[in-house]
N, C-alpha and C. Protein backbone atom coordinates (compact mmCIF):
# COMPACT_ATOMS: atom_id res chain seq x y z
N UNK A 1 68.47 98.39 -83.05
CA UNK A 1 68.89 99.35 -84.03
C UNK A 1 67.68 99.96 -84.73
N UNK A 2 66.72 99.10 -85.16
CA UNK A 2 65.51 99.60 -85.80
C UNK A 2 64.74 100.52 -84.86
N UNK A 3 64.68 100.12 -83.61
CA UNK A 3 63.96 100.92 -82.62
C UNK A 3 64.58 102.31 -82.50
N UNK A 4 65.89 102.37 -82.47
CA UNK A 4 66.60 103.64 -82.36
C UNK A 4 66.36 104.49 -83.61
N UNK A 5 66.35 103.87 -84.78
CA UNK A 5 66.09 104.59 -86.03
C UNK A 5 64.68 105.18 -86.04
N UNK A 6 63.71 104.38 -85.65
CA UNK A 6 62.32 104.87 -85.60
C UNK A 6 62.17 105.98 -84.57
N UNK A 7 62.85 105.85 -83.45
CA UNK A 7 62.79 106.87 -82.41
C UNK A 7 63.40 108.18 -82.93
N UNK A 8 64.49 108.11 -83.64
CA UNK A 8 65.14 109.30 -84.21
C UNK A 8 64.24 109.97 -85.23
N UNK A 9 63.60 109.17 -86.07
CA UNK A 9 62.68 109.72 -87.08
C UNK A 9 61.50 110.41 -86.39
N UNK A 10 60.96 109.80 -85.36
CA UNK A 10 59.84 110.38 -84.62
C UNK A 10 60.23 111.73 -84.01
N UNK A 11 61.40 111.80 -83.38
CA UNK A 11 61.87 113.04 -82.76
C UNK A 11 62.08 114.11 -83.83
N UNK A 12 62.65 113.74 -84.96
CA UNK A 12 62.87 114.67 -86.05
C UNK A 12 61.55 115.24 -86.57
N UNK A 13 60.55 114.39 -86.74
CA UNK A 13 59.22 114.84 -87.20
C UNK A 13 58.60 115.77 -86.18
N UNK A 14 58.71 115.42 -84.92
CA UNK A 14 58.15 116.23 -83.84
C UNK A 14 58.80 117.61 -83.80
N UNK A 15 60.12 117.67 -83.90
CA UNK A 15 60.83 118.95 -83.91
C UNK A 15 60.46 119.80 -85.12
N UNK A 16 60.31 119.17 -86.26
CA UNK A 16 59.93 119.90 -87.48
C UNK A 16 58.55 120.49 -87.33
N UNK A 17 57.60 119.72 -86.80
CA UNK A 17 56.23 120.22 -86.61
C UNK A 17 56.20 121.38 -85.63
N UNK A 18 56.96 121.28 -84.55
CA UNK A 18 56.99 122.36 -83.55
C UNK A 18 57.57 123.63 -84.15
N UNK A 19 58.64 123.51 -84.92
CA UNK A 19 59.25 124.72 -85.49
C UNK A 19 58.33 125.36 -86.52
N UNK A 20 57.56 124.55 -87.26
CA UNK A 20 56.59 125.12 -88.21
C UNK A 20 55.47 125.85 -87.47
N UNK A 21 54.98 125.29 -86.37
CA UNK A 21 53.94 125.96 -85.58
C UNK A 21 54.46 127.27 -85.00
N UNK A 22 55.71 127.28 -84.50
CA UNK A 22 56.30 128.50 -83.96
C UNK A 22 56.44 129.56 -85.06
N UNK A 23 56.81 129.15 -86.26
CA UNK A 23 56.94 130.10 -87.36
C UNK A 23 55.58 130.70 -87.71
N UNK A 24 54.54 129.86 -87.70
CA UNK A 24 53.19 130.37 -87.98
C UNK A 24 52.75 131.35 -86.91
N UNK A 25 52.99 131.04 -85.65
CA UNK A 25 52.61 131.93 -84.56
C UNK A 25 53.33 133.26 -84.67
N UNK A 26 54.60 133.23 -85.01
CA UNK A 26 55.37 134.46 -85.17
C UNK A 26 54.80 135.32 -86.29
N UNK A 27 54.36 134.70 -87.37
CA UNK A 27 53.77 135.44 -88.49
C UNK A 27 52.43 136.05 -88.08
N UNK A 28 51.63 135.28 -87.37
CA UNK A 28 50.32 135.79 -86.94
C UNK A 28 50.47 136.97 -85.99
N UNK A 29 51.45 136.95 -85.13
CA UNK A 29 51.63 138.01 -84.15
C UNK A 29 52.00 139.34 -84.80
N UNK A 30 52.58 139.29 -86.00
CA UNK A 30 52.98 140.53 -86.65
C UNK A 30 52.00 140.98 -87.73
N UNK A 31 50.88 140.29 -87.89
CA UNK A 31 49.89 140.73 -88.87
C UNK A 31 49.36 142.09 -88.48
N UNK A 32 49.13 142.93 -89.48
CA UNK A 32 48.60 144.26 -89.21
C UNK A 32 47.34 144.48 -90.03
N UNK A 33 46.48 145.34 -89.52
CA UNK A 33 45.28 145.75 -90.21
C UNK A 33 45.30 147.26 -90.32
N UNK A 34 44.52 147.77 -91.23
CA UNK A 34 44.47 149.21 -91.44
C UNK A 34 43.13 149.75 -90.94
N UNK A 35 43.19 150.85 -90.20
CA UNK A 35 41.99 151.56 -89.79
C UNK A 35 42.14 153.01 -90.24
N UNK A 36 41.04 153.74 -90.24
CA UNK A 36 41.06 155.14 -90.63
C UNK A 36 40.85 155.99 -89.39
N UNK A 37 41.72 156.97 -89.20
CA UNK A 37 41.55 157.95 -88.13
C UNK A 37 41.54 159.33 -88.77
N UNK A 38 41.05 160.29 -88.04
CA UNK A 38 40.93 161.66 -88.56
C UNK A 38 41.81 162.61 -87.77
N UNK A 39 42.29 163.63 -88.47
CA UNK A 39 43.11 164.67 -87.85
C UNK A 39 42.73 166.00 -88.46
N UNK A 40 43.15 167.05 -87.82
CA UNK A 40 42.85 168.41 -88.28
C UNK A 40 43.51 168.69 -89.62
N UNK A 41 42.81 169.46 -90.47
CA UNK A 41 43.46 169.92 -91.69
C UNK A 41 44.40 171.07 -91.34
N UNK A 42 45.11 171.58 -92.32
CA UNK A 42 46.13 172.61 -92.08
C UNK A 42 45.54 173.90 -91.50
N UNK A 43 44.28 174.19 -91.79
CA UNK A 43 43.65 175.43 -91.32
C UNK A 43 42.81 175.23 -90.05
N UNK A 44 42.80 174.03 -89.51
CA UNK A 44 41.99 173.70 -88.33
C UNK A 44 40.52 174.03 -88.54
N UNK A 45 40.03 173.73 -89.75
CA UNK A 45 38.61 173.96 -90.06
C UNK A 45 37.82 172.67 -90.11
N UNK A 46 38.45 171.62 -90.64
CA UNK A 46 37.80 170.33 -90.83
C UNK A 46 38.77 169.23 -90.44
N UNK A 47 38.23 168.02 -90.32
CA UNK A 47 39.09 166.88 -90.09
C UNK A 47 39.24 166.11 -91.39
N UNK A 48 40.40 165.50 -91.56
CA UNK A 48 40.70 164.74 -92.77
C UNK A 48 41.18 163.34 -92.37
N UNK A 49 40.91 162.35 -93.21
CA UNK A 49 41.28 160.98 -92.86
C UNK A 49 42.74 160.67 -93.14
N UNK A 50 43.25 159.71 -92.37
CA UNK A 50 44.55 159.10 -92.66
C UNK A 50 44.48 157.65 -92.20
N UNK A 51 45.18 156.80 -92.90
CA UNK A 51 45.18 155.38 -92.56
C UNK A 51 46.31 155.08 -91.58
N UNK A 52 46.02 154.19 -90.65
CA UNK A 52 46.98 153.78 -89.63
C UNK A 52 46.96 152.26 -89.57
N UNK A 53 48.13 151.66 -89.48
CA UNK A 53 48.21 150.21 -89.30
C UNK A 53 48.43 149.90 -87.84
N UNK A 54 47.79 148.84 -87.38
CA UNK A 54 47.99 148.41 -86.00
C UNK A 54 48.09 146.89 -85.96
N UNK A 55 48.88 146.37 -85.05
CA UNK A 55 49.04 144.92 -84.93
C UNK A 55 47.73 144.26 -84.49
N UNK A 56 47.52 143.07 -84.95
CA UNK A 56 46.31 142.31 -84.66
C UNK A 56 46.06 142.16 -83.16
N UNK A 57 47.11 141.97 -82.36
CA UNK A 57 46.90 141.73 -80.93
C UNK A 57 46.35 142.95 -80.20
N UNK A 58 46.41 144.13 -80.79
CA UNK A 58 45.86 145.34 -80.17
C UNK A 58 44.35 145.40 -80.34
N UNK A 59 43.78 144.53 -81.13
CA UNK A 59 42.35 144.57 -81.43
C UNK A 59 41.47 144.65 -80.18
N UNK A 60 41.89 144.05 -79.10
CA UNK A 60 41.08 144.09 -77.88
C UNK A 60 40.97 145.50 -77.31
N UNK A 61 41.92 146.36 -77.58
CA UNK A 61 41.88 147.71 -77.05
C UNK A 61 41.92 148.75 -78.18
N UNK A 62 41.19 148.49 -79.25
CA UNK A 62 41.22 149.39 -80.40
C UNK A 62 40.67 150.77 -80.04
N UNK A 63 39.78 150.86 -79.07
CA UNK A 63 39.26 152.17 -78.64
C UNK A 63 40.39 153.01 -78.09
N UNK A 64 41.20 152.45 -77.23
CA UNK A 64 42.35 153.18 -76.67
C UNK A 64 43.39 153.46 -77.77
N UNK A 65 43.61 152.51 -78.67
CA UNK A 65 44.57 152.69 -79.76
C UNK A 65 44.16 153.88 -80.62
N UNK A 66 42.89 153.97 -80.98
CA UNK A 66 42.41 155.10 -81.79
C UNK A 66 42.62 156.41 -81.04
N UNK A 67 42.27 156.43 -79.77
CA UNK A 67 42.46 157.64 -78.96
C UNK A 67 43.92 158.09 -79.01
N UNK A 68 44.83 157.16 -78.81
CA UNK A 68 46.26 157.49 -78.82
C UNK A 68 46.74 157.96 -80.19
N UNK A 69 46.12 157.49 -81.26
CA UNK A 69 46.51 157.91 -82.60
C UNK A 69 45.97 159.29 -82.95
N UNK A 70 44.86 159.68 -82.34
CA UNK A 70 44.17 160.91 -82.71
C UNK A 70 44.54 162.09 -81.82
N UNK A 71 44.67 161.87 -80.53
CA UNK A 71 44.85 162.97 -79.58
C UNK A 71 46.33 163.31 -79.45
N UNK A 72 46.67 164.54 -79.80
CA UNK A 72 48.04 165.00 -79.70
C UNK A 72 48.22 165.96 -78.52
N UNK A 73 47.13 166.43 -77.94
CA UNK A 73 47.20 167.25 -76.75
C UNK A 73 47.58 166.37 -75.57
N UNK A 74 47.83 166.96 -74.44
CA UNK A 74 48.20 166.22 -73.23
C UNK A 74 46.97 165.70 -72.51
N UNK A 75 46.05 165.12 -73.25
CA UNK A 75 44.82 164.57 -72.69
C UNK A 75 44.97 163.05 -72.62
N UNK A 76 44.63 162.49 -71.49
CA UNK A 76 44.69 161.04 -71.34
C UNK A 76 43.30 160.46 -71.22
N UNK A 77 43.15 159.26 -71.74
CA UNK A 77 41.90 158.52 -71.63
C UNK A 77 41.95 157.73 -70.33
N UNK A 78 41.16 158.14 -69.34
CA UNK A 78 41.14 157.45 -68.05
C UNK A 78 40.54 156.07 -68.23
N UNK A 79 39.36 156.02 -68.83
CA UNK A 79 38.70 154.76 -69.16
C UNK A 79 37.59 155.04 -70.17
N UNK A 80 36.93 154.01 -70.58
CA UNK A 80 35.85 154.14 -71.56
C UNK A 80 34.87 153.00 -71.35
N UNK A 81 33.68 153.18 -71.89
CA UNK A 81 32.71 152.07 -71.88
C UNK A 81 31.71 152.28 -73.00
N UNK A 82 31.11 151.20 -73.40
CA UNK A 82 30.02 151.23 -74.36
C UNK A 82 28.73 151.03 -73.58
N UNK A 83 27.72 151.84 -73.89
CA UNK A 83 26.43 151.77 -73.19
C UNK A 83 25.31 151.73 -74.22
N UNK A 84 24.09 151.56 -73.75
CA UNK A 84 22.90 151.55 -74.61
C UNK A 84 23.05 150.56 -75.76
N UNK A 85 23.30 149.30 -75.41
CA UNK A 85 23.50 148.26 -76.41
C UNK A 85 24.62 148.60 -77.39
N UNK A 86 25.68 149.16 -76.88
CA UNK A 86 26.88 149.54 -77.63
C UNK A 86 26.67 150.68 -78.62
N UNK A 87 25.58 151.42 -78.50
CA UNK A 87 25.36 152.54 -79.42
C UNK A 87 25.95 153.85 -78.89
N UNK A 88 26.34 153.88 -77.61
CA UNK A 88 26.94 155.07 -77.02
C UNK A 88 28.33 154.72 -76.50
N UNK A 89 29.31 155.47 -76.97
CA UNK A 89 30.68 155.32 -76.49
C UNK A 89 30.95 156.46 -75.52
N UNK A 90 31.33 156.11 -74.30
CA UNK A 90 31.61 157.11 -73.27
C UNK A 90 33.12 157.10 -73.02
N UNK A 91 33.73 158.26 -73.25
CA UNK A 91 35.17 158.43 -73.05
C UNK A 91 35.39 159.31 -71.83
N UNK A 92 36.07 158.80 -70.83
CA UNK A 92 36.35 159.53 -69.60
C UNK A 92 37.76 160.10 -69.70
N UNK A 93 37.88 161.44 -69.73
CA UNK A 93 39.15 162.12 -69.94
C UNK A 93 39.69 162.72 -68.64
N UNK A 94 41.00 162.86 -68.56
CA UNK A 94 41.61 163.44 -67.37
C UNK A 94 41.66 164.97 -67.47
N UNK A 95 42.37 165.61 -66.56
CA UNK A 95 42.47 167.07 -66.52
C UNK A 95 43.14 167.68 -67.74
N UNK A 96 43.81 166.88 -68.53
CA UNK A 96 44.44 167.38 -69.75
C UNK A 96 43.45 168.04 -70.69
N UNK A 97 42.18 167.64 -70.61
CA UNK A 97 41.16 168.23 -71.48
C UNK A 97 41.03 169.73 -71.21
N UNK A 98 41.41 170.16 -70.03
CA UNK A 98 41.35 171.59 -69.70
C UNK A 98 42.37 172.40 -70.51
N UNK A 99 43.35 171.73 -71.10
CA UNK A 99 44.38 172.39 -71.87
C UNK A 99 44.05 172.54 -73.35
N UNK A 100 42.92 171.98 -73.79
CA UNK A 100 42.52 172.12 -75.20
C UNK A 100 42.19 173.59 -75.42
N UNK A 101 42.88 174.21 -76.35
CA UNK A 101 42.83 175.65 -76.53
C UNK A 101 41.81 176.10 -77.57
N UNK A 102 40.95 177.03 -77.20
CA UNK A 102 40.07 177.75 -78.11
C UNK A 102 38.99 176.93 -78.78
N UNK A 103 38.12 177.63 -79.51
CA UNK A 103 37.01 176.95 -80.16
C UNK A 103 37.48 176.09 -81.32
N UNK A 104 38.47 176.55 -82.10
CA UNK A 104 38.99 175.73 -83.20
C UNK A 104 39.66 174.47 -82.64
N UNK A 105 40.45 174.63 -81.57
CA UNK A 105 41.10 173.48 -80.94
C UNK A 105 40.08 172.49 -80.41
N UNK A 106 39.02 173.01 -79.79
CA UNK A 106 37.97 172.14 -79.27
C UNK A 106 37.23 171.41 -80.38
N UNK A 107 36.94 172.11 -81.46
CA UNK A 107 36.25 171.47 -82.60
C UNK A 107 37.11 170.38 -83.21
N UNK A 108 38.40 170.64 -83.38
CA UNK A 108 39.29 169.64 -83.97
C UNK A 108 39.50 168.47 -83.02
N UNK A 109 39.58 168.73 -81.73
CA UNK A 109 39.71 167.67 -80.75
C UNK A 109 38.49 166.74 -80.81
N UNK A 110 37.30 167.33 -80.70
CA UNK A 110 36.07 166.53 -80.73
C UNK A 110 35.86 165.88 -82.09
N UNK A 111 36.12 166.64 -83.16
CA UNK A 111 35.91 166.11 -84.51
C UNK A 111 36.81 164.95 -84.84
N UNK A 112 38.07 165.03 -84.45
CA UNK A 112 39.00 163.93 -84.71
C UNK A 112 38.56 162.67 -83.99
N UNK A 113 38.18 162.82 -82.73
CA UNK A 113 37.70 161.66 -81.97
C UNK A 113 36.42 161.10 -82.56
N UNK A 114 35.44 161.97 -82.76
CA UNK A 114 34.14 161.51 -83.23
C UNK A 114 34.23 160.82 -84.58
N UNK A 115 34.83 161.46 -85.55
CA UNK A 115 34.88 160.88 -86.89
C UNK A 115 35.69 159.58 -86.90
N UNK A 116 36.75 159.50 -86.10
CA UNK A 116 37.55 158.28 -86.04
C UNK A 116 36.75 157.12 -85.47
N UNK A 117 36.03 157.37 -84.39
CA UNK A 117 35.23 156.29 -83.80
C UNK A 117 34.03 155.93 -84.66
N UNK A 118 33.36 156.92 -85.22
CA UNK A 118 32.22 156.62 -86.09
C UNK A 118 32.65 155.83 -87.32
N UNK A 119 33.81 156.14 -87.85
CA UNK A 119 34.34 155.43 -89.03
C UNK A 119 34.60 153.96 -88.72
N UNK A 120 35.16 153.68 -87.56
CA UNK A 120 35.60 152.34 -87.24
C UNK A 120 34.60 151.51 -86.43
N UNK A 121 33.59 152.16 -85.89
CA UNK A 121 32.55 151.47 -85.12
C UNK A 121 31.18 151.87 -85.65
N UNK A 122 30.70 151.22 -86.69
CA UNK A 122 29.44 151.63 -87.31
C UNK A 122 28.22 151.52 -86.40
N UNK A 123 28.29 150.74 -85.34
CA UNK A 123 27.17 150.60 -84.43
C UNK A 123 27.11 151.73 -83.39
N UNK A 124 28.19 152.49 -83.24
CA UNK A 124 28.19 153.62 -82.30
C UNK A 124 27.45 154.79 -82.95
N UNK A 125 26.44 155.30 -82.25
CA UNK A 125 25.63 156.39 -82.77
C UNK A 125 25.91 157.72 -82.10
N UNK A 126 26.51 157.66 -80.90
CA UNK A 126 26.86 158.89 -80.21
C UNK A 126 28.06 158.65 -79.30
N UNK A 127 28.77 159.75 -79.06
CA UNK A 127 29.94 159.71 -78.19
C UNK A 127 29.76 160.77 -77.12
N UNK A 128 30.01 160.38 -75.88
CA UNK A 128 29.89 161.30 -74.76
C UNK A 128 31.26 161.41 -74.10
N UNK A 129 31.71 162.64 -73.92
CA UNK A 129 32.97 162.91 -73.24
C UNK A 129 32.69 163.28 -71.79
N UNK A 130 33.43 162.68 -70.88
CA UNK A 130 33.33 163.02 -69.46
C UNK A 130 34.68 163.56 -69.01
N UNK A 131 34.66 164.35 -67.95
CA UNK A 131 35.90 164.85 -67.34
C UNK A 131 36.01 164.23 -65.96
N UNK A 132 36.95 163.34 -65.78
CA UNK A 132 37.13 162.62 -64.51
C UNK A 132 35.81 162.05 -63.99
N UNK A 133 35.05 161.45 -64.89
CA UNK A 133 33.80 160.79 -64.52
C UNK A 133 32.61 161.71 -64.40
N UNK A 134 32.80 163.01 -64.58
CA UNK A 134 31.72 163.98 -64.41
C UNK A 134 31.23 164.48 -65.77
N UNK A 135 29.94 164.75 -65.86
CA UNK A 135 29.35 165.32 -67.09
C UNK A 135 29.16 166.82 -66.95
N UNK A 136 29.69 167.41 -65.90
CA UNK A 136 29.56 168.85 -65.69
C UNK A 136 30.33 169.61 -66.78
N UNK A 137 29.66 170.58 -67.39
CA UNK A 137 30.29 171.38 -68.44
C UNK A 137 31.41 172.23 -67.83
N UNK A 138 32.62 172.06 -68.33
CA UNK A 138 33.76 172.78 -67.77
C UNK A 138 34.40 173.72 -68.79
N UNK A 139 34.09 173.52 -70.05
CA UNK A 139 34.68 174.33 -71.12
C UNK A 139 33.60 174.74 -72.11
N UNK A 140 33.79 175.90 -72.72
CA UNK A 140 32.84 176.34 -73.74
C UNK A 140 33.08 175.63 -75.07
N UNK A 141 34.30 175.17 -75.30
CA UNK A 141 34.66 174.67 -76.62
C UNK A 141 34.81 173.15 -76.71
N UNK A 142 34.66 172.42 -75.62
CA UNK A 142 34.63 170.96 -75.65
C UNK A 142 33.36 170.53 -74.93
N UNK A 143 32.53 169.78 -75.62
CA UNK A 143 31.22 169.40 -75.07
C UNK A 143 31.36 168.24 -74.09
N UNK A 144 31.48 168.56 -72.83
CA UNK A 144 31.54 167.54 -71.78
C UNK A 144 30.11 167.19 -71.38
N UNK A 145 29.81 165.89 -71.42
CA UNK A 145 28.49 165.42 -71.01
C UNK A 145 27.41 165.51 -72.08
N UNK A 146 27.67 166.18 -73.17
CA UNK A 146 26.69 166.29 -74.25
C UNK A 146 27.05 165.31 -75.36
N UNK A 147 26.08 164.58 -75.87
CA UNK A 147 26.41 163.60 -76.91
C UNK A 147 26.83 164.27 -78.23
N UNK A 148 27.85 163.70 -78.83
CA UNK A 148 28.26 164.06 -80.19
C UNK A 148 27.66 162.96 -81.06
N UNK A 149 26.84 163.33 -82.01
CA UNK A 149 26.13 162.34 -82.81
C UNK A 149 26.70 162.23 -84.22
N UNK A 150 26.32 161.18 -84.90
CA UNK A 150 26.76 160.98 -86.29
C UNK A 150 26.30 162.12 -87.20
N UNK A 151 25.19 162.74 -86.87
CA UNK A 151 24.67 163.83 -87.71
C UNK A 151 25.57 165.06 -87.69
N UNK A 152 26.33 165.23 -86.62
CA UNK A 152 27.26 166.35 -86.52
C UNK A 152 28.52 165.96 -87.29
N UNK A 153 28.73 166.57 -88.42
CA UNK A 153 29.91 166.22 -89.19
C UNK A 153 31.00 167.28 -89.01
N UNK A 154 32.20 166.82 -88.85
CA UNK A 154 33.35 167.69 -88.71
C UNK A 154 34.20 167.66 -89.98
N UNK A 155 33.68 166.94 -91.00
CA UNK A 155 34.38 166.84 -92.27
C UNK A 155 33.87 167.92 -93.22
N UNK A 156 34.69 168.27 -94.19
CA UNK A 156 34.30 169.23 -95.23
C UNK A 156 33.16 168.61 -96.05
N UNK A 157 32.12 169.39 -96.30
CA UNK A 157 31.00 168.89 -97.12
C UNK A 157 31.51 168.62 -98.52
N UNK A 158 31.12 167.48 -99.05
CA UNK A 158 31.59 167.09 -100.39
C UNK A 158 30.64 167.52 -101.47
């Protein structure tokens, strides 16, 4: 009888500990953090910040998450990489980049991306856009293959 009582107590303690661990894991999975991304102002002259929350588990692909939050055109991020000791972010874009319209559209496209990445990755000093892996200039208003640096600001001067 004592053995059965002790066994029941042990099972009860074990089940309680497991359910507490599961509750903690569930809470951790829904934790969110805030990052700042940039978007065009109403006149398409400058970029302005907005805060976005993202789940903790997306942290491994925050570069892609930022791209998806910023780009509203039909441009897809094929892939990306960090080079030069992580100081250069290279974004490889698909044919959708050909649909970015006009010089204002190009400035807002590049500005939103650049300011968003510079804000969230302080070690990145330049961003290079590629078109399907090529650095060949294909548009007058989107700088393919040319570095966008921190010195180039797309924000309104304060």
